[in-house]
């Protein structure tokens, strides 16, 4: 491979990653992939001596890093979220579930949405808008069997889980179990400290 083809490949790779990043729903993933693409494109721009393009992409990298650091700050996330105690029949909770029904069924294939055994429910809101739904069956010893722990695609950076589980501890919950479908949920569970025990996942609070 001659140097000209290699240089062009670098440019195309950077451009492709920048474009692909805008297809991502998660803001965190968007900024990470966009940063990688911008770094590659910055290198390409310096190689071809296109300094305005290099400076612009370098600035994009710095902006992405700034916001990624800001979003990774758990304290900031905690101030942005609100935990709203609800019930399985609450109109807003039912509206949120119905509105996100297709995505919920995609995330938890085979799950039922009637939640007849539920006796606890919460909405996690971001600036007043529902961003997550938590429904469970709470036992007398403070254990909650999770029936649904869902967040909308825009907030799938694990920050809602970190916030939610801290708040549940303050609500007197001692541990959580989850025995639903995990094919699309395993990474979230593992990132938030659940360990697999038999056919279910367990998290002590």
N, C-alpha and C. Protein backbone atom coordinates (compact mmCIF):
# COMPACT_ATOMS: atom_id res chain seq x y z
N UNK A 1 0.85 -1.19 0.00
CA UNK A 1 0.00 0.00 0.00
C UNK A 1 0.88 1.24 0.00
N UNK A 2 0.72 2.12 -1.03
CA UNK A 2 1.56 3.31 -1.05
C UNK A 2 1.03 4.36 -0.08
N UNK A 3 1.86 5.37 0.16
CA UNK A 3 1.54 6.37 1.19
C UNK A 3 0.29 7.17 0.87
N UNK A 4 0.05 7.44 -0.42
CA UNK A 4 -1.12 8.22 -0.80
C UNK A 4 -2.41 7.49 -0.44
N UNK A 5 -2.47 6.20 -0.72
CA UNK A 5 -3.66 5.40 -0.38
C UNK A 5 -3.84 5.33 1.13
N UNK A 6 -2.72 5.17 1.85
CA UNK A 6 -2.79 5.11 3.31
C UNK A 6 -3.33 6.40 3.90
N UNK A 7 -2.85 7.54 3.38
CA UNK A 7 -3.32 8.84 3.86
C UNK A 7 -4.81 9.02 3.59
N UNK A 8 -5.24 8.62 2.39
CA UNK A 8 -6.66 8.73 2.05
C UNK A 8 -7.51 7.82 2.94
N UNK A 9 -6.99 6.64 3.26
CA UNK A 9 -7.71 5.70 4.13
C UNK A 9 -7.90 6.30 5.52
N UNK A 10 -6.88 7.01 6.01
CA UNK A 10 -7.00 7.69 7.31
C UNK A 10 -8.13 8.72 7.26
N UNK A 11 -8.14 9.51 6.19
CA UNK A 11 -9.18 10.53 6.04
C UNK A 11 -10.57 9.94 5.96
N UNK A 12 -10.74 8.87 5.17
CA UNK A 12 -12.04 8.23 5.02
C UNK A 12 -12.50 7.60 6.34
N UNK A 13 -11.55 7.02 7.07
CA UNK A 13 -11.89 6.40 8.35
C UNK A 13 -12.40 7.43 9.34
N UNK A 14 -11.68 8.56 9.44
CA UNK A 14 -12.11 9.63 10.33
C UNK A 14 -13.47 10.17 9.96
N UNK A 15 -13.70 10.40 8.66
CA UNK A 15 -14.98 10.92 8.19
C UNK A 15 -16.11 9.94 8.50
N UNK A 16 -15.85 8.65 8.26
CA UNK A 16 -16.88 7.63 8.49
C UNK A 16 -17.29 7.57 9.96
N UNK A 17 -16.30 7.63 10.85
CA UNK A 17 -16.62 7.57 12.29
C UNK A 17 -17.41 8.79 12.73
N UNK A 18 -17.06 9.96 12.22
CA UNK A 18 -17.80 11.18 12.57
C UNK A 18 -19.25 11.05 12.11
N UNK A 19 -19.46 10.56 10.90
CA UNK A 19 -20.81 10.39 10.37
C UNK A 19 -21.60 9.34 11.15
N UNK A 20 -20.95 8.20 11.44
CA UNK A 20 -21.61 7.13 12.18
C UNK A 20 -22.03 7.59 13.57
N UNK A 21 -21.22 8.45 14.19
CA UNK A 21 -21.53 8.91 15.54
C UNK A 21 -22.89 9.60 15.62
N UNK A 22 -23.27 10.28 14.55
CA UNK A 22 -24.54 11.01 14.57
C UNK A 22 -25.75 10.09 14.42
N UNK A 23 -25.51 8.81 14.16
CA UNK A 23 -26.59 7.84 14.10
C UNK A 23 -26.88 7.22 15.46
N UNK A 24 -26.05 7.52 16.44
CA UNK A 24 -26.17 6.89 17.76
C UNK A 24 -27.15 7.67 18.63
N UNK A 25 -28.00 6.93 19.31
CA UNK A 25 -29.00 7.54 20.19
C UNK A 25 -28.37 8.00 21.50
N UNK A 26 -27.49 7.18 22.05
CA UNK A 26 -26.83 7.52 23.31
C UNK A 26 -25.87 8.69 23.10
N UNK A 27 -26.05 9.72 23.91
CA UNK A 27 -25.20 10.90 23.80
C UNK A 27 -23.75 10.57 24.14
N UNK A 28 -23.56 9.70 25.13
CA UNK A 28 -22.20 9.34 25.53
C UNK A 28 -21.48 8.62 24.39
N UNK A 29 -22.14 7.62 23.80
CA UNK A 29 -21.53 6.89 22.69
C UNK A 29 -21.27 7.82 21.50
N UNK A 30 -22.23 8.72 21.26
CA UNK A 30 -22.06 9.68 20.17
C UNK A 30 -20.77 10.48 20.36
N UNK A 31 -20.57 11.00 21.57
CA UNK A 31 -19.40 11.85 21.81
C UNK A 31 -18.10 11.06 21.78
N UNK A 32 -18.13 9.80 22.24
CA UNK A 32 -16.92 8.98 22.23
C UNK A 32 -16.51 8.66 20.79
N UNK A 33 -17.47 8.17 20.00
CA UNK A 33 -17.16 7.81 18.61
C UNK A 33 -16.82 9.06 17.81
N UNK A 34 -17.52 10.15 18.06
CA UNK A 34 -17.23 11.41 17.37
C UNK A 34 -15.82 11.89 17.69
N UNK A 35 -15.40 11.72 18.94
CA UNK A 35 -14.05 12.13 19.34
C UNK A 35 -12.98 11.30 18.63
N UNK A 36 -13.21 9.98 18.56
CA UNK A 36 -12.25 9.11 17.88
C UNK A 36 -12.13 9.51 16.42
N UNK A 37 -13.29 9.72 15.77
CA UNK A 37 -13.28 10.14 14.37
C UNK A 37 -12.60 11.47 14.17
N UNK A 38 -12.86 12.41 15.09
CA UNK A 38 -12.26 13.74 14.98
C UNK A 38 -10.75 13.70 15.19
N UNK A 39 -10.28 12.83 16.09
CA UNK A 39 -8.83 12.69 16.30
C UNK A 39 -8.16 12.16 15.03
N UNK A 40 -8.78 11.12 14.44
CA UNK A 40 -8.22 10.56 13.21
C UNK A 40 -8.23 11.59 12.09
N UNK A 41 -9.32 12.36 12.00
CA UNK A 41 -9.42 13.36 10.95
C UNK A 41 -8.46 14.52 11.20
N UNK A 42 -8.18 14.81 12.47
CA UNK A 42 -7.18 15.84 12.80
C UNK A 42 -5.80 15.42 12.30
N UNK A 43 -5.46 14.14 12.52
CA UNK A 43 -4.18 13.62 12.04
C UNK A 43 -4.10 13.74 10.52
N UNK A 44 -5.20 13.34 9.87
CA UNK A 44 -5.26 13.43 8.41
C UNK A 44 -5.08 14.87 7.93
N UNK A 45 -5.75 15.80 8.61
CA UNK A 45 -5.67 17.21 8.21
C UNK A 45 -4.25 17.75 8.35
N UNK A 46 -3.56 17.36 9.41
CA UNK A 46 -2.17 17.80 9.58
C UNK A 46 -1.27 17.21 8.49
N UNK A 47 -1.52 15.95 8.14
CA UNK A 47 -0.70 15.30 7.10
C UNK A 47 -0.81 16.04 5.77
N UNK A 48 -2.05 16.45 5.43
CA UNK A 48 -2.26 17.12 4.13
C UNK A 48 -2.11 18.64 4.26
N UNK A 49 -1.69 19.10 5.45
CA UNK A 49 -1.44 20.52 5.71
C UNK A 49 -2.71 21.37 5.58
N UNK A 50 -3.85 20.78 5.96
CA UNK A 50 -5.11 21.54 6.00
C UNK A 50 -5.33 21.98 7.45
N UNK A 51 -4.64 23.03 7.86
CA UNK A 51 -4.61 23.43 9.26
C UNK A 51 -5.95 23.93 9.79
N UNK A 52 -6.75 24.67 9.02
CA UNK A 52 -8.08 25.06 9.53
C UNK A 52 -8.95 23.85 9.88
N UNK A 53 -8.90 22.81 9.02
CA UNK A 53 -9.67 21.59 9.29
C UNK A 53 -9.13 20.89 10.53
N UNK A 54 -7.82 20.87 10.70
CA UNK A 54 -7.21 20.23 11.86
C UNK A 54 -7.61 20.94 13.15
N UNK A 55 -7.58 22.29 13.12
CA UNK A 55 -7.94 23.06 14.30
C UNK A 55 -9.40 22.85 14.66
N UNK A 56 -10.28 22.83 13.64
CA UNK A 56 -11.71 22.64 13.90
C UNK A 56 -11.96 21.28 14.56
N UNK A 57 -11.35 20.21 14.04
CA UNK A 57 -11.56 18.88 14.60
C UNK A 57 -10.94 18.74 15.97
N UNK A 58 -9.81 19.39 16.19
CA UNK A 58 -9.20 19.37 17.51
C UNK A 58 -10.11 20.04 18.53
N UNK A 59 -10.74 21.13 18.13
CA UNK A 59 -11.70 21.81 19.01
C UNK A 59 -12.89 20.91 19.32
N UNK A 60 -13.36 20.15 18.32
CA UNK A 60 -14.46 19.22 18.55
C UNK A 60 -14.08 18.15 19.58
N UNK A 61 -12.84 17.67 19.49
CA UNK A 61 -12.37 16.67 20.46
C UNK A 61 -12.40 17.24 21.87
N UNK A 62 -11.89 18.47 22.02
CA UNK A 62 -11.85 19.11 23.34
C UNK A 62 -13.26 19.34 23.89
N UNK A 63 -14.19 19.74 23.02
CA UNK A 63 -15.57 19.96 23.45
C UNK A 63 -16.20 18.64 23.90
N UNK A 64 -15.97 17.58 23.14
CA UNK A 64 -16.51 16.26 23.51
C UNK A 64 -15.94 15.78 24.84
N UNK A 65 -14.64 15.97 25.03
CA UNK A 65 -14.01 15.56 26.29
C UNK A 65 -14.60 16.32 27.47
N UNK A 66 -14.82 17.62 27.28
CA UNK A 66 -15.40 18.45 28.34
C UNK A 66 -16.75 17.90 28.77
N UNK A 67 -17.62 17.61 27.80
CA UNK A 67 -18.96 17.14 28.13
C UNK A 67 -18.97 15.70 28.65
N UNK A 68 -18.03 14.87 28.18
CA UNK A 68 -17.94 13.51 28.71
C UNK A 68 -17.53 13.52 30.18
N UNK A 69 -16.59 14.39 30.52
CA UNK A 69 -16.18 14.52 31.92
C UNK A 69 -17.34 15.02 32.76
N UNK A 70 -18.06 15.98 32.23
CA UNK A 70 -19.21 16.54 32.95
C UNK A 70 -20.28 15.49 33.18
N UNK A 71 -20.55 14.65 32.16
CA UNK A 71 -21.58 13.63 32.28
C UNK A 71 -21.16 12.48 33.18
N UNK A 72 -19.84 12.26 33.28
CA UNK A 72 -19.36 11.16 34.13
C UNK A 72 -19.34 11.52 35.60
N UNK A 73 -19.59 12.79 35.91
CA UNK A 73 -19.60 13.25 37.29
C UNK A 73 -20.90 12.81 37.94
N UNK A 74 -20.83 11.83 38.81
CA UNK A 74 -22.04 11.28 39.42
C UNK A 74 -22.81 12.32 40.20
N UNK A 75 -22.10 13.23 40.84
CA UNK A 75 -22.78 14.28 41.60
C UNK A 75 -23.64 15.14 40.71
N UNK A 76 -23.13 15.50 39.55
CA UNK A 76 -23.91 16.30 38.62
C UNK A 76 -25.12 15.53 38.14
N UNK A 77 -24.93 14.23 37.83
CA UNK A 77 -26.06 13.43 37.38
C UNK A 77 -27.13 13.34 38.45
N UNK A 78 -26.70 13.19 39.71
CA UNK A 78 -27.65 13.06 40.80
C UNK A 78 -28.50 14.32 40.93
N UNK A 79 -27.93 15.48 40.71
CA UNK A 79 -28.68 16.73 40.80
C UNK A 79 -29.65 16.89 39.63
N UNK A 80 -29.34 16.27 38.49
CA UNK A 80 -30.18 16.42 37.31
C UNK A 80 -31.38 15.49 37.34
N UNK A 81 -31.30 14.39 38.08
CA UNK A 81 -32.38 13.42 38.12
C UNK A 81 -33.26 13.63 39.35
N UNK A 82 -34.53 13.23 39.21
CA UNK A 82 -35.46 13.20 40.33
C UNK A 82 -36.14 11.85 40.36
N UNK A 83 -36.27 11.29 41.56
CA UNK A 83 -36.98 10.02 41.72
C UNK A 83 -38.40 10.33 42.18
N UNK A 84 -39.38 9.91 41.40
CA UNK A 84 -40.79 10.19 41.69
C UNK A 84 -41.48 8.88 42.04
N UNK A 85 -41.95 8.79 43.27
CA UNK A 85 -42.65 7.58 43.70
C UNK A 85 -43.98 7.50 42.97
N UNK A 86 -44.30 6.31 42.47
CA UNK A 86 -45.47 6.17 41.63
C UNK A 86 -46.20 4.88 42.01
N UNK A 87 -47.03 4.38 41.14
CA UNK A 87 -47.69 3.08 41.30
C UNK A 87 -47.87 2.48 39.92
N UNK A 88 -48.14 1.18 39.89
CA UNK A 88 -48.24 0.51 38.58
C UNK A 88 -49.41 1.03 37.75
N UNK A 89 -50.38 1.69 38.41
CA UNK A 89 -51.55 2.21 37.70
C UNK A 89 -51.49 3.72 37.49
N UNK A 90 -50.37 4.33 37.85
CA UNK A 90 -50.24 5.78 37.69
C UNK A 90 -50.33 6.15 36.21
N UNK A 91 -51.16 7.13 35.84
CA UNK A 91 -51.33 7.48 34.42
C UNK A 91 -50.04 7.86 33.70
N UNK A 92 -49.18 8.62 34.36
CA UNK A 92 -47.92 9.02 33.71
C UNK A 92 -47.01 7.82 33.50
N UNK A 93 -46.95 6.93 34.49
CA UNK A 93 -46.12 5.74 34.34
C UNK A 93 -46.66 4.86 33.20
N UNK A 94 -47.98 4.67 33.17
CA UNK A 94 -48.57 3.85 32.10
C UNK A 94 -48.36 4.49 30.74
N UNK A 95 -48.46 5.82 30.70
CA UNK A 95 -48.24 6.54 29.44
C UNK A 95 -46.81 6.34 28.95
N UNK A 96 -45.84 6.43 29.88
CA UNK A 96 -44.43 6.26 29.52
C UNK A 96 -44.18 4.85 28.99
N UNK A 97 -44.74 3.86 29.66
CA UNK A 97 -44.57 2.47 29.23
C UNK A 97 -45.20 2.26 27.85
N UNK A 98 -46.40 2.78 27.66
CA UNK A 98 -47.08 2.60 26.38
C UNK A 98 -46.33 3.30 25.26
N UNK A 99 -45.81 4.48 25.56
CA UNK A 99 -45.06 5.24 24.54
C UNK A 99 -43.77 4.53 24.15
N UNK A 100 -43.14 3.85 25.11
CA UNK A 100 -41.87 3.17 24.87
C UNK A 100 -42.05 1.66 24.70
N UNK A 101 -43.27 1.22 24.48
CA UNK A 101 -43.59 -0.20 24.47
C UNK A 101 -42.71 -1.00 23.51
N UNK A 102 -42.56 -0.52 22.29
CA UNK A 102 -41.77 -1.26 21.30
C UNK A 102 -40.32 -1.41 21.73
N UNK A 103 -39.76 -0.35 22.29
CA UNK A 103 -38.36 -0.40 22.72
C UNK A 103 -38.22 -1.29 23.96
N UNK A 104 -39.19 -1.25 24.87
CA UNK A 104 -39.15 -2.11 26.05
C UNK A 104 -39.18 -3.58 25.64
N UNK A 105 -40.06 -3.90 24.70
CA UNK A 105 -40.15 -5.29 24.24
C UNK A 105 -38.90 -5.72 23.49
N UNK A 106 -38.23 -4.77 22.86
CA UNK A 106 -36.97 -5.07 22.19
C UNK A 106 -35.86 -5.31 23.21
N UNK A 107 -35.84 -4.51 24.28
CA UNK A 107 -34.81 -4.65 25.32
C UNK A 107 -35.04 -5.89 26.18
N UNK A 108 -36.33 -6.22 26.41
CA UNK A 108 -36.67 -7.35 27.28
C UNK A 108 -37.60 -8.28 26.52
N UNK A 109 -37.08 -9.03 25.56
CA UNK A 109 -37.93 -9.89 24.73
C UNK A 109 -38.69 -10.92 25.57
N UNK A 110 -40.00 -11.00 25.32
CA UNK A 110 -40.82 -11.97 26.04
C UNK A 110 -41.40 -11.47 27.35
N UNK A 111 -41.02 -10.23 27.77
CA UNK A 111 -41.54 -9.71 29.04
C UNK A 111 -43.00 -9.32 28.90
N UNK A 112 -43.75 -9.43 30.00
CA UNK A 112 -45.15 -8.99 30.00
C UNK A 112 -45.21 -7.60 30.61
N UNK A 113 -46.21 -6.82 30.22
CA UNK A 113 -46.31 -5.44 30.66
C UNK A 113 -47.53 -5.20 31.54
N UNK A 114 -48.12 -6.27 32.09
CA UNK A 114 -49.27 -6.06 32.97
C UNK A 114 -48.85 -5.78 34.42
N UNK A 115 -47.72 -6.35 34.85
CA UNK A 115 -47.13 -6.10 36.18
C UNK A 115 -48.15 -6.32 37.30
N UNK A 116 -48.90 -7.40 37.24
CA UNK A 116 -49.94 -7.66 38.23
C UNK A 116 -49.37 -7.90 39.62
N UNK A 117 -48.09 -8.34 39.71
CA UNK A 117 -47.48 -8.61 41.02
C UNK A 117 -46.74 -7.40 41.58
N UNK A 118 -46.77 -6.28 40.89
CA UNK A 118 -45.99 -5.11 41.32
C UNK A 118 -46.66 -4.41 42.51
N UNK A 119 -45.83 -4.00 43.47
CA UNK A 119 -46.34 -3.17 44.57
C UNK A 119 -45.47 -1.94 44.82
N UNK A 120 -44.41 -1.77 44.00
CA UNK A 120 -43.61 -0.54 44.05
C UNK A 120 -43.33 -0.10 42.62
N UNK A 121 -43.31 1.22 42.42
CA UNK A 121 -43.01 1.76 41.09
C UNK A 121 -42.45 3.16 41.25
N UNK A 122 -41.49 3.48 40.40
CA UNK A 122 -40.87 4.80 40.42
C UNK A 122 -40.65 5.27 38.98
N UNK A 123 -40.70 6.57 38.81
CA UNK A 123 -40.26 7.23 37.59
C UNK A 123 -38.98 7.98 37.90
N UNK A 124 -37.98 7.83 37.06
CA UNK A 124 -36.78 8.66 37.15
C UNK A 124 -36.92 9.75 36.09
N UNK A 125 -36.94 10.99 36.54
CA UNK A 125 -37.15 12.11 35.62
C UNK A 125 -35.89 12.95 35.47
N UNK A 126 -35.70 13.46 34.28
CA UNK A 126 -34.59 14.37 34.01
C UNK A 126 -35.18 15.70 33.57
N UNK A 127 -34.98 16.71 34.41
CA UNK A 127 -35.53 18.04 34.15
C UNK A 127 -37.04 17.97 33.91
N UNK A 128 -37.70 17.14 34.69
CA UNK A 128 -39.15 17.04 34.66
C UNK A 128 -39.72 16.04 33.67
N UNK A 129 -38.90 15.48 32.80
CA UNK A 129 -39.39 14.53 31.79
C UNK A 129 -39.00 13.11 32.17
N UNK A 130 -39.91 12.14 32.04
CA UNK A 130 -39.58 10.74 32.38
C UNK A 130 -38.42 10.22 31.53
N UNK A 131 -37.40 9.69 32.20
CA UNK A 131 -36.25 9.12 31.52
C UNK A 131 -36.07 7.65 31.85
N UNK A 132 -36.72 7.20 32.92
CA UNK A 132 -36.60 5.80 33.32
C UNK A 132 -37.82 5.34 34.10
N UNK A 133 -38.07 4.04 34.06
CA UNK A 133 -39.19 3.42 34.77
C UNK A 133 -38.65 2.24 35.57
N UNK A 134 -39.02 2.19 36.84
CA UNK A 134 -38.62 1.06 37.71
C UNK A 134 -39.88 0.51 38.36
N UNK A 135 -40.14 -0.78 38.15
CA UNK A 135 -41.31 -1.46 38.73
C UNK A 135 -40.84 -2.75 39.38
N UNK A 136 -41.34 -3.04 40.58
CA UNK A 136 -40.91 -4.25 41.25
C UNK A 136 -41.92 -4.78 42.24
N UNK A 137 -41.58 -5.92 42.79
CA UNK A 137 -42.37 -6.55 43.84
C UNK A 137 -41.52 -6.57 45.10
N UNK A 138 -41.94 -5.77 46.10
CA UNK A 138 -41.14 -5.62 47.31
C UNK A 138 -41.61 -6.57 48.40
N UNK A 139 -40.63 -7.27 48.99
CA UNK A 139 -40.92 -8.20 50.08
C UNK A 139 -40.77 -7.48 51.43
N UNK A 140 -41.21 -8.12 52.50
CA UNK A 140 -41.17 -7.49 53.82
C UNK A 140 -39.76 -7.25 54.32
N UNK A 141 -38.80 -8.03 53.84
CA UNK A 141 -37.42 -7.88 54.31
C UNK A 141 -36.65 -6.83 53.52
N UNK A 142 -37.34 -6.05 52.68
CA UNK A 142 -36.68 -4.98 51.93
C UNK A 142 -36.07 -5.42 50.62
N UNK A 143 -36.35 -6.65 50.21
CA UNK A 143 -35.86 -7.15 48.92
C UNK A 143 -36.88 -6.83 47.84
N UNK A 144 -36.39 -6.29 46.72
CA UNK A 144 -37.26 -6.02 45.58
C UNK A 144 -36.90 -6.94 44.43
N UNK A 145 -37.90 -7.65 43.94
CA UNK A 145 -37.74 -8.43 42.71
C UNK A 145 -38.09 -7.49 41.56
N UNK A 146 -37.11 -7.17 40.72
CA UNK A 146 -37.30 -6.20 39.64
C UNK A 146 -38.13 -6.82 38.53
N UNK A 147 -39.23 -6.15 38.21
CA UNK A 147 -40.07 -6.57 37.09
C UNK A 147 -39.76 -5.77 35.83
N UNK A 148 -39.36 -4.52 36.02
CA UNK A 148 -38.94 -3.68 34.89
C UNK A 148 -37.99 -2.60 35.39
N UNK A 149 -36.84 -2.52 34.77
CA UNK A 149 -35.88 -1.45 35.04
C UNK A 149 -35.44 -0.92 33.68
N UNK A 150 -36.12 0.09 33.22
CA UNK A 150 -35.96 0.56 31.83
C UNK A 150 -35.64 2.04 31.80
N UNK A 151 -34.73 2.42 30.90
CA UNK A 151 -34.50 3.84 30.64
C UNK A 151 -34.53 4.07 29.14
N UNK A 152 -34.92 5.26 28.75
CA UNK A 152 -35.03 5.58 27.33
C UNK A 152 -33.64 5.62 26.70
N UNK A 153 -33.56 5.41 25.38
CA UNK A 153 -32.24 5.31 24.72
C UNK A 153 -31.30 6.47 24.99
N UNK A 154 -31.83 7.67 25.15
CA UNK A 154 -30.97 8.84 25.35
C UNK A 154 -30.18 8.79 26.66
N UNK A 155 -30.62 7.96 27.61
CA UNK A 155 -30.00 7.96 28.94
C UNK A 155 -29.32 6.63 29.27
N UNK A 156 -28.93 5.88 28.25
CA UNK A 156 -28.30 4.58 28.50
C UNK A 156 -26.79 4.71 28.66
N UNK A 157 -26.40 5.51 29.64
CA UNK A 157 -24.97 5.66 29.96
C UNK A 157 -24.69 5.18 31.38
N UNK A 158 -25.64 4.43 31.97
CA UNK A 158 -25.54 3.84 33.30
C UNK A 158 -25.73 4.85 34.44
N UNK A 159 -25.86 6.16 34.13
CA UNK A 159 -25.99 7.15 35.20
C UNK A 159 -27.32 7.04 35.92
N UNK A 160 -28.39 6.68 35.19
CA UNK A 160 -29.70 6.52 35.83
C UNK A 160 -29.64 5.38 36.84
N UNK A 161 -29.01 4.27 36.46
CA UNK A 161 -28.89 3.14 37.37
C UNK A 161 -28.14 3.52 38.64
N UNK A 162 -27.03 4.23 38.49
CA UNK A 162 -26.25 4.67 39.65
C UNK A 162 -27.09 5.54 40.57
N UNK A 163 -27.84 6.45 39.97
CA UNK A 163 -28.69 7.34 40.77
C UNK A 163 -29.82 6.55 41.43
N UNK A 164 -30.51 5.71 40.64
CA UNK A 164 -31.66 4.97 41.13
C UNK A 164 -31.32 4.09 42.32
N UNK A 165 -30.22 3.34 42.23
CA UNK A 165 -29.91 2.39 43.29
C UNK A 165 -29.48 3.11 44.57
N UNK A 166 -28.87 4.27 44.44
CA UNK A 166 -28.55 5.07 45.62
C UNK A 166 -29.83 5.53 46.31
N UNK A 167 -30.79 5.98 45.51
CA UNK A 167 -32.06 6.45 46.07
C UNK A 167 -32.87 5.32 46.68
N UNK A 168 -32.84 4.14 46.08
CA UNK A 168 -33.58 3.00 46.63
C UNK A 168 -33.03 2.59 47.98
N UNK A 169 -31.71 2.72 48.15
CA UNK A 169 -31.11 2.43 49.45
C UNK A 169 -31.69 3.36 50.52
N UNK A 170 -31.88 4.63 50.13
CA UNK A 170 -32.47 5.60 51.05
C UNK A 170 -33.94 5.31 51.34
N UNK A 171 -34.58 4.53 50.45
CA UNK A 171 -35.98 4.15 50.62
C UNK A 171 -36.13 2.89 51.47
N UNK A 172 -35.03 2.37 51.98
CA UNK A 172 -35.09 1.20 52.84
C UNK A 172 -34.97 -0.12 52.12
N UNK A 173 -34.60 -0.10 50.84
CA UNK A 173 -34.41 -1.33 50.08
C UNK A 173 -33.05 -1.92 50.44
N UNK A 174 -33.01 -3.22 50.74
CA UNK A 174 -31.77 -3.86 51.16
C UNK A 174 -31.06 -4.58 50.02
N UNK A 175 -31.84 -5.13 49.08
CA UNK A 175 -31.23 -5.83 47.95
C UNK A 175 -32.23 -5.91 46.80
N UNK A 176 -31.69 -6.22 45.62
CA UNK A 176 -32.49 -6.30 44.40
C UNK A 176 -32.21 -7.62 43.71
N UNK A 177 -33.25 -8.20 43.15
CA UNK A 177 -33.07 -9.41 42.33
C UNK A 177 -33.72 -9.17 40.97
N UNK A 178 -33.15 -9.79 39.96
CA UNK A 178 -33.71 -9.70 38.62
C UNK A 178 -33.60 -11.06 37.96
N UNK A 179 -34.74 -11.59 37.52
CA UNK A 179 -34.75 -12.91 36.87
C UNK A 179 -35.37 -12.86 35.49
N UNK A 180 -35.51 -11.65 34.93
CA UNK A 180 -36.08 -11.50 33.61
C UNK A 180 -35.06 -11.76 32.52
N UNK A 181 -35.43 -11.51 31.27
CA UNK A 181 -34.51 -11.73 30.15
C UNK A 181 -33.31 -10.79 30.23
N UNK A 182 -32.10 -11.34 30.03
CA UNK A 182 -30.89 -10.53 30.19
C UNK A 182 -30.06 -10.41 28.92
N UNK A 183 -30.57 -10.91 27.80
CA UNK A 183 -29.76 -10.91 26.58
C UNK A 183 -29.32 -9.51 26.16
N UNK A 184 -30.17 -8.51 26.40
CA UNK A 184 -29.83 -7.12 26.06
C UNK A 184 -29.60 -6.28 27.29
N UNK A 185 -29.57 -6.92 28.46
CA UNK A 185 -29.54 -6.19 29.74
C UNK A 185 -28.33 -6.56 30.59
N UNK A 186 -27.55 -7.53 30.12
CA UNK A 186 -26.47 -8.08 30.93
C UNK A 186 -25.40 -7.03 31.25
N UNK A 187 -25.03 -6.23 30.26
CA UNK A 187 -23.98 -5.23 30.48
C UNK A 187 -24.41 -4.23 31.56
N UNK A 188 -25.66 -3.79 31.49
CA UNK A 188 -26.19 -2.85 32.49
C UNK A 188 -26.13 -3.45 33.88
N UNK A 189 -26.56 -4.71 34.01
CA UNK A 189 -26.56 -5.37 35.31
C UNK A 189 -25.15 -5.49 35.87
N UNK A 190 -24.22 -5.92 35.04
CA UNK A 190 -22.85 -6.11 35.50
C UNK A 190 -22.20 -4.78 35.84
N UNK A 191 -22.45 -3.74 35.04
CA UNK A 191 -21.88 -2.42 35.31
C UNK A 191 -22.38 -1.85 36.63
N UNK A 192 -23.60 -2.23 37.02
CA UNK A 192 -24.19 -1.69 38.23
C UNK A 192 -24.08 -2.63 39.43
N UNK A 193 -23.19 -3.60 39.34
CA UNK A 193 -22.84 -4.40 40.51
C UNK A 193 -23.72 -5.60 40.79
N UNK A 194 -24.52 -6.05 39.82
CA UNK A 194 -25.30 -7.27 40.00
C UNK A 194 -24.40 -8.48 39.75
N UNK A 195 -24.61 -9.52 40.53
CA UNK A 195 -23.89 -10.78 40.31
C UNK A 195 -24.91 -11.88 40.04
N UNK A 196 -24.57 -12.78 39.14
CA UNK A 196 -25.50 -13.85 38.78
C UNK A 196 -25.46 -14.95 39.83
N UNK A 197 -26.64 -15.32 40.28
CA UNK A 197 -26.77 -16.39 41.27
C UNK A 197 -27.87 -17.33 40.79
N UNK A 198 -27.47 -18.46 40.23
CA UNK A 198 -28.44 -19.38 39.66
C UNK A 198 -29.08 -18.78 38.42
N UNK A 199 -30.40 -18.67 38.45
CA UNK A 199 -31.13 -18.13 37.30
C UNK A 199 -31.48 -16.65 37.45
N UNK A 200 -30.94 -16.01 38.47
CA UNK A 200 -31.25 -14.59 38.67
C UNK A 200 -29.99 -13.79 39.00
N UNK A 201 -30.14 -12.47 38.95
CA UNK A 201 -29.07 -11.56 39.32
C UNK A 201 -29.40 -10.94 40.67
N UNK A 202 -28.35 -10.68 41.46
CA UNK A 202 -28.54 -10.14 42.81
C UNK A 202 -27.62 -8.95 43.03
N UNK A 203 -28.19 -7.91 43.67
CA UNK A 203 -27.39 -6.74 44.05
C UNK A 203 -27.75 -6.37 45.48
N UNK A 204 -26.73 -6.30 46.34
CA UNK A 204 -26.93 -5.84 47.72
C UNK A 204 -26.77 -4.32 47.75
N UNK A 205 -27.64 -3.66 48.50
CA UNK A 205 -27.56 -2.20 48.61
C UNK A 205 -27.02 -1.78 49.96
